């Protein structure tokens, strides 16, 4: 993923294409202005921050947009929510309440949802609020030829009543504290040889 982003003049072509196809004026004609790898976002209820592969601050005429990019090849999104909560603690319960509130989820997500997707989406919203952005976007930039993690991403988008479509930017509900969008894009496989 790093090679793909460094080689791009702006967004990598597959990310630019997905964003350009969005029907939201909040995402029209975005230009990246800042990219920070391994970007940490503190979350309440624990000692570890959410470490995002890449934070991108983009702009358009209306204002800034925060993008959190999660790069994947053949690794999973990690533990499920059930696995993460298996050793419950007051801190974990506090964090889950916070994650749900930020995302506008009224009920506890099913235990099979991948915890990483919850806090990556939260990271986009939280950072967007800090930069006074008009919108936040979770980007899964996958280089997996076997589509590892795709089913987990589909289950995550279903929390918002959205049927995931690869390469399409989709709005995740209307109850998050900042308009939240998401997309799964397939990276250029030539970068797998780097």
C-alpha atoms as a PDB file:
ATOM      1  CA  UNK A   1       0.000   0.000   0.000  1.00  0.00           C
ATOM      2  CA  UNK A   2       2.793   2.405   0.887  1.00  0.00           C
ATOM      3  CA  UNK A   3       4.390   2.011  -2.558  1.00  0.00           C
ATOM      4  CA  UNK A   4       1.049   2.587  -4.260  1.00  0.00           C
ATOM      5  CA  UNK A   5       0.375   5.801  -2.360  1.00  0.00           C
ATOM      6  CA  UNK A   6       3.938   7.088  -2.796  1.00  0.00           C
ATOM      7  CA  UNK A   7       3.845   6.415  -6.552  1.00  0.00           C
ATOM      8  CA  UNK A   8       0.578   8.304  -6.997  1.00  0.00           C
ATOM      9  CA  UNK A   9       0.238  11.929  -7.985  1.00  0.00           C
ATOM     10  CA  UNK A  10      -2.470  12.618  -5.437  1.00  0.00           C
ATOM     11  CA  UNK A  11      -4.671   9.627  -4.653  1.00  0.00           C
ATOM     12  CA  UNK A  12      -3.816   6.195  -6.113  1.00  0.00           C
ATOM     13  CA  UNK A  13      -5.948   5.767  -9.271  1.00  0.00           C
ATOM     14  CA  UNK A  14      -8.318   3.197  -7.747  1.00  0.00           C
ATOM     15  CA  UNK A  15      -8.998   5.437  -4.725  1.00  0.00           C
ATOM     16  CA  UNK A  16      -9.396   8.523  -6.926  1.00  0.00           C
ATOM     17  CA  UNK A  17     -11.818   6.635  -9.156  1.00  0.00           C
ATOM     18  CA  UNK A  18     -13.996   5.491  -6.237  1.00  0.00           C
ATOM     19  CA  UNK A  19     -14.096   8.998  -4.755  1.00  0.00           C
ATOM     20  CA  UNK A  20     -14.872  10.600  -8.129  1.00  0.00           C
ATOM     21  CA  UNK A  21     -17.857   8.274  -8.587  1.00  0.00           C
ATOM     22  CA  UNK A  22     -19.458   9.346  -5.305  1.00  0.00           C
ATOM     23  CA  UNK A  23     -22.767  11.123  -5.636  1.00  0.00           C
ATOM     24  CA  UNK A  24     -22.107  13.162  -2.483  1.00  0.00           C
ATOM     25  CA  UNK A  25     -21.040  16.788  -2.976  1.00  0.00           C
ATOM     26  CA  UNK A  26     -19.038  16.381   0.242  1.00  0.00           C
ATOM     27  CA  UNK A  27     -16.560  14.200  -1.672  1.00  0.00           C
ATOM     28  CA  UNK A  28     -16.476  15.899  -5.073  1.00  0.00           C
ATOM     29  CA  UNK A  29     -13.057  16.820  -6.471  1.00  0.00           C
ATOM     30  CA  UNK A  30     -11.041  15.946  -3.374  1.00  0.00           C
ATOM     31  CA  UNK A  31      -7.336  16.753  -3.306  1.00  0.00           C
ATOM     32  CA  UNK A  32      -5.055  15.198  -0.676  1.00  0.00           C
ATOM     33  CA  UNK A  33      -3.065  17.806   1.261  1.00  0.00           C
ATOM     34  CA  UNK A  34      -1.568  15.758   4.100  1.00  0.00           C
ATOM     35  CA  UNK A  35      -0.807  12.055   4.548  1.00  0.00           C
ATOM     36  CA  UNK A  36       0.434  10.617   7.842  1.00  0.00           C
ATOM     37  CA  UNK A  37       1.337   6.899   8.073  1.00  0.00           C
ATOM     38  CA  UNK A  38       0.807   4.892  11.269  1.00  0.00           C
ATOM     39  CA  UNK A  39      -1.553   7.563  12.596  1.00  0.00           C
ATOM     40  CA  UNK A  40      -2.685   6.975  16.173  1.00  0.00           C
ATOM     41  CA  UNK A  41      -6.096   8.025  17.450  1.00  0.00           C
ATOM     42  CA  UNK A  42      -6.656   7.808  21.219  1.00  0.00           C
ATOM     43  CA  UNK A  43      -9.875   6.100  22.291  1.00  0.00           C
ATOM     44  CA  UNK A  44     -11.346   6.059  25.799  1.00  0.00           C
ATOM     45  CA  UNK A  45     -11.514   2.918  27.894  1.00  0.00           C
ATOM     46  CA  UNK A  46      -8.039   1.540  27.324  1.00  0.00           C
ATOM     47  CA  UNK A  47      -4.363   2.271  27.057  1.00  0.00           C
ATOM     48  CA  UNK A  48      -3.946   1.548  23.345  1.00  0.00           C
ATOM     49  CA  UNK A  49      -4.829   3.991  20.609  1.00  0.00           C
ATOM     50  CA  UNK A  50      -6.240   2.939  17.249  1.00  0.00           C
ATOM     51  CA  UNK A  51      -3.202   2.777  14.952  1.00  0.00           C
ATOM     52  CA  UNK A  52      -4.324   3.509  11.406  1.00  0.00           C
ATOM     53  CA  UNK A  53      -2.198   2.606   8.392  1.00  0.00           C
ATOM     54  CA  UNK A  54      -2.668   6.035   6.824  1.00  0.00           C
ATOM     55  CA  UNK A  55      -4.516   9.243   7.658  1.00  0.00           C
ATOM     56  CA  UNK A  56      -5.194  11.538   4.717  1.00  0.00           C
ATOM     57  CA  UNK A  57      -6.528  15.048   5.084  1.00  0.00           C
ATOM     58  CA  UNK A  58      -8.096  16.095   1.802  1.00  0.00           C
ATOM     59  CA  UNK A  59      -9.788  19.297   0.751  1.00  0.00           C
ATOM     60  CA  UNK A  60     -12.385  20.563  -1.622  1.00  0.00           C
ATOM     61  CA  UNK A  61     -13.991  23.943  -2.009  1.00  0.00           C
ATOM     62  CA  UNK A  62     -16.513  23.248   0.769  1.00  0.00           C
ATOM     63  CA  UNK A  63     -13.949  22.184   3.350  1.00  0.00           C
ATOM     64  CA  UNK A  64     -11.706  19.360   4.566  1.00  0.00           C
ATOM     65  CA  UNK A  65     -12.423  15.628   4.544  1.00  0.00           C
ATOM     66  CA  UNK A  66     -10.680  13.060   6.774  1.00  0.00           C
ATOM     67  CA  UNK A  67      -9.809   9.652   5.299  1.00  0.00           C
ATOM     68  CA  UNK A  68      -8.532   6.690   7.305  1.00  0.00           C
ATOM     69  CA  UNK A  69      -6.946   4.052   5.112  1.00  0.00           C
ATOM     70  CA  UNK A  70      -6.581   0.442   6.183  1.00  0.00           C
ATOM     71  CA  UNK A  71      -4.245  -1.499   3.905  1.00  0.00           C
ATOM     72  CA  UNK A  72      -4.673  -5.253   3.558  1.00  0.00           C
ATOM     73  CA  UNK A  73      -3.134  -8.077   1.579  1.00  0.00           C
ATOM     74  CA  UNK A  74      -3.958 -11.498   3.002  1.00  0.00           C
ATOM     75  CA  UNK A  75      -4.271 -10.725   6.709  1.00  0.00           C
ATOM     76  CA  UNK A  76      -7.597 -10.556   8.475  1.00  0.00           C
ATOM     77  CA  UNK A  77      -9.155  -7.639  10.312  1.00  0.00           C
ATOM     78  CA  UNK A  78      -8.126  -9.317  13.551  1.00  0.00           C
ATOM     79  CA  UNK A  79     -10.292 -10.396  16.429  1.00  0.00           C
ATOM     80  CA  UNK A  80     -14.044 -10.322  16.381  1.00  0.00           C
ATOM     81  CA  UNK A  81     -15.966  -8.140  18.786  1.00  0.00           C
ATOM     82  CA  UNK A  82     -16.896 -11.285  20.711  1.00  0.00           C
ATOM     83  CA  UNK A  83     -13.234 -12.266  20.996  1.00  0.00           C
ATOM     84  CA  UNK A  84     -12.237  -8.770  22.087  1.00  0.00           C
ATOM     85  CA  UNK A  85     -14.959  -8.735  24.753  1.00  0.00           C
ATOM     86  CA  UNK A  86     -14.206 -12.292  25.951  1.00  0.00           C
ATOM     87  CA  UNK A  87     -12.194 -10.814  28.815  1.00  0.00           C
ATOM     88  CA  UNK A  88     -14.593  -8.015  29.570  1.00  0.00           C
ATOM     89  CA  UNK A  89     -13.555  -5.061  31.678  1.00  0.00           C
ATOM     90  CA  UNK A  90     -15.066  -1.684  32.590  1.00  0.00           C
ATOM     91  CA  UNK A  91     -12.621  -0.069  30.129  1.00  0.00           C
ATOM     92  CA  UNK A  92     -13.726  -2.281  27.241  1.00  0.00           C
ATOM     93  CA  UNK A  93     -17.386  -1.644  27.996  1.00  0.00           C
ATOM     94  CA  UNK A  94     -16.683   2.106  28.092  1.00  0.00           C
ATOM     95  CA  UNK A  95     -14.835   1.912  24.779  1.00  0.00           C
ATOM     96  CA  UNK A  96     -17.610  -0.053  23.082  1.00  0.00           C
ATOM     97  CA  UNK A  97     -20.218   2.495  24.270  1.00  0.00           C
ATOM     98  CA  UNK A  98     -18.010   5.253  22.850  1.00  0.00           C
ATOM     99  CA  UNK A  99     -17.510   3.468  19.511  1.00  0.00           C
ATOM    100  CA  UNK A 100     -21.255   2.929  19.170  1.00  0.00           C
ATOM    101  CA  UNK A 101     -22.049   6.546  20.048  1.00  0.00           C
ATOM    102  CA  UNK A 102     -19.565   7.971  17.513  1.00  0.00           C
ATOM    103  CA  UNK A 103     -20.883   5.688  14.751  1.00  0.00           C
ATOM    104  CA  UNK A 104     -24.525   6.218  15.696  1.00  0.00           C
ATOM    105  CA  UNK A 105     -25.140   2.507  16.335  1.00  0.00           C
ATOM    106  CA  UNK A 106     -28.162   2.137  18.583  1.00  0.00           C
ATOM    107  CA  UNK A 107     -27.630  -1.528  19.408  1.00  0.00           C
ATOM    108  CA  UNK A 108     -24.585  -3.589  20.249  1.00  0.00           C
ATOM    109  CA  UNK A 109     -23.040  -4.988  17.043  1.00  0.00           C
ATOM    110  CA  UNK A 110     -23.096  -8.783  16.581  1.00  0.00           C
ATOM    111  CA  UNK A 111     -20.134 -10.607  18.092  1.00  0.00           C
ATOM    112  CA  UNK A 112     -18.880 -11.702  14.640  1.00  0.00           C
ATOM    113  CA  UNK A 113     -18.147  -8.073  13.589  1.00  0.00           C
ATOM    114  CA  UNK A 114     -14.427  -7.367  13.406  1.00  0.00           C
ATOM    115  CA  UNK A 115     -13.410  -4.992  16.178  1.00  0.00           C
ATOM    116  CA  UNK A 116     -10.758  -3.358  13.975  1.00  0.00           C
ATOM    117  CA  UNK A 117     -13.356  -2.082  11.516  1.00  0.00           C
ATOM    118  CA  UNK A 118     -15.282  -0.412  14.340  1.00  0.00           C
ATOM    119  CA  UNK A 119     -12.331   1.536  15.674  1.00  0.00           C
ATOM    120  CA  UNK A 120     -10.951   2.406  12.230  1.00  0.00           C
ATOM    121  CA  UNK A 121     -14.303   3.941  11.267  1.00  0.00           C
ATOM    122  CA  UNK A 122     -14.376   5.760  14.612  1.00  0.00           C
ATOM    123  CA  UNK A 123     -10.857   7.049  13.953  1.00  0.00           C
ATOM    124  CA  UNK A 124     -12.036   8.642  10.711  1.00  0.00           C
ATOM    125  CA  UNK A 125     -14.922  10.420  12.457  1.00  0.00           C
ATOM    126  CA  UNK A 126     -12.915  11.505  15.508  1.00  0.00           C
ATOM    127  CA  UNK A 127     -10.059  12.880  13.418  1.00  0.00           C
ATOM    128  CA  UNK A 128     -12.530  14.522  11.061  1.00  0.00           C
ATOM    129  CA  UNK A 129     -14.076  16.331  14.012  1.00  0.00           C
ATOM    130  CA  UNK A 130     -10.635  17.471  15.186  1.00  0.00           C
ATOM    131  CA  UNK A 131      -9.892  18.958  11.759  1.00  0.00           C
ATOM    132  CA  UNK A 132     -13.422  20.389  11.465  1.00  0.00           C
ATOM    133  CA  UNK A 133     -13.969  18.265   8.398  1.00  0.00           C
ATOM    134  CA  UNK A 134     -17.217  18.098   6.495  1.00  0.00           C
ATOM    135  CA  UNK A 135     -17.039  14.309   6.180  1.00  0.00           C
ATOM    136  CA  UNK A 136     -15.051  11.224   7.148  1.00  0.00           C
ATOM    137  CA  UNK A 137     -14.193   8.238   4.951  1.00  0.00           C
ATOM    138  CA  UNK A 138     -13.015   4.738   5.860  1.00  0.00           C
ATOM    139  CA  UNK A 139     -10.993   3.321   2.962  1.00  0.00           C
ATOM    140  CA  UNK A 140     -10.073  -0.359   2.887  1.00  0.00           C
ATOM    141  CA  UNK A 141      -7.278  -0.535   0.325  1.00  0.00           C
ATOM    142  CA  UNK A 142      -6.998  -4.241  -0.394  1.00  0.00           C
ATOM    143  CA  UNK A 143      -4.310  -5.960  -2.404  1.00  0.00           C
ATOM    144  CA  UNK A 144      -5.699  -9.431  -1.724  1.00  0.00           C
ATOM    145  CA  UNK A 145      -6.305 -11.405  -4.882  1.00  0.00           C
ATOM    146  CA  UNK A 146      -8.369 -13.826  -2.747  1.00  0.00           C
ATOM    147  CA  UNK A 147     -10.458 -10.942  -1.277  1.00  0.00           C
ATOM    148  CA  UNK A 148      -9.440 -11.808   2.274  1.00  0.00           C
ATOM    149  CA  UNK A 149     -11.610  -9.769   4.630  1.00  0.00           C
ATOM    150  CA  UNK A 150     -14.309  -8.908   2.097  1.00  0.00           C
ATOM    151  CA  UNK A 151     -17.006 -10.869   3.941  1.00  0.00           C
ATOM    152  CA  UNK A 152     -16.065  -9.088   7.167  1.00  0.00           C
ATOM    153  CA  UNK A 153     -16.323  -5.711   5.436  1.00  0.00           C
ATOM    154  CA  UNK A 154     -19.750  -6.684   4.083  1.00  0.00           C
ATOM    155  CA  UNK A 155     -20.911  -7.628   7.589  1.00  0.00           C
ATOM    156  CA  UNK A 156     -19.626  -4.286   8.878  1.00  0.00           C
ATOM    157  CA  UNK A 157     -21.456  -2.229   6.245  1.00  0.00           C
ATOM    158  CA  UNK A 158     -24.640  -4.175   6.991  1.00  0.00           C
ATOM    159  CA  UNK A 159     -24.610  -2.560  10.463  1.00  0.00           C
ATOM    160  CA  UNK A 160     -25.579   0.632   8.635  1.00  0.00           C
ATOM    161  CA  UNK A 161     -28.096  -1.019   6.312  1.00  0.00           C
ATOM    162  CA  UNK A 162     -25.617  -0.873   3.411  1.00  0.00           C
ATOM    163  CA  UNK A 163     -24.872  -3.676   0.964  1.00  0.00           C
ATOM    164  CA  UNK A 164     -21.153  -3.270   0.227  1.00  0.00           C
ATOM    165  CA  UNK A 165     -20.056  -2.802  -3.381  1.00  0.00           C
ATOM    166  CA  UNK A 166     -16.357  -2.912  -4.251  1.00  0.00           C
ATOM    167  CA  UNK A 167     -14.960   0.346  -5.579  1.00  0.00           C
ATOM    168  CA  UNK A 168     -18.039   2.352  -4.593  1.00  0.00           C
ATOM    169  CA  UNK A 169     -18.111   5.005  -1.866  1.00  0.00           C
ATOM    170  CA  UNK A 170     -21.188   4.490   0.298  1.00  0.00           C
ATOM    171  CA  UNK A 171     -22.728   6.484   3.143  1.00  0.00           C
ATOM    172  CA  UNK A 172     -22.778   4.634   6.454  1.00  0.00           C
ATOM    173  CA  UNK A 173     -26.043   5.634   8.054  1.00  0.00           C
ATOM    174  CA  UNK A 174     -27.153   9.067   9.095  1.00  0.00           C
ATOM    175  CA  UNK A 175     -26.576   8.977  12.846  1.00  0.00           C
ATOM    176  CA  UNK A 176     -22.791   9.308  13.167  1.00  0.00           C
ATOM    177  CA  UNK A 177     -21.564  12.583  14.608  1.00  0.00           C
ATOM    178  CA  UNK A 178     -20.031  13.459  11.205  1.00  0.00           C
ATOM    179  CA  UNK A 179     -21.154  12.176   7.775  1.00  0.00           C
ATOM    180  CA  UNK A 180     -19.317   8.858   7.450  1.00  0.00           C
ATOM    181  CA  UNK A 181     -18.602   7.100   4.178  1.00  0.00           C
ATOM    182  CA  UNK A 182     -16.736   3.914   3.356  1.00  0.00           C
ATOM    183  CA  UNK A 183     -15.246   2.114   0.399  1.00  0.00           C
ATOM    184  CA  UNK A 184     -13.330  -1.065  -0.397  1.00  0.00           C
ATOM    185  CA  UNK A 185     -10.934  -0.567  -3.298  1.00  0.00           C
ATOM    186  CA  UNK A 186      -8.666  -3.076  -4.971  1.00  0.00           C
ATOM    187  CA  UNK A 187      -5.051  -1.943  -5.195  1.00  0.00           C
ATOM    188  CA  UNK A 188      -2.825  -2.347  -8.221  1.00  0.00           C
ATOM    189  CA  UNK A 189      -1.470  -5.935  -7.983  1.00  0.00           C
ATOM    190  CA  UNK A 190       1.874  -4.859  -9.475  1.00  0.00           C
ATOM    191  CA  UNK A 191       2.710  -3.364  -6.064  1.00  0.00           C
ATOM    192  CA  UNK A 192       2.636  -6.864  -4.567  1.00  0.00           C
ATOM    193  CA  UNK A 193       6.051  -7.380  -6.206  1.00  0.00           C
ATOM    194  CA  UNK A 194       7.668  -4.421  -4.407  1.00  0.00           C
END
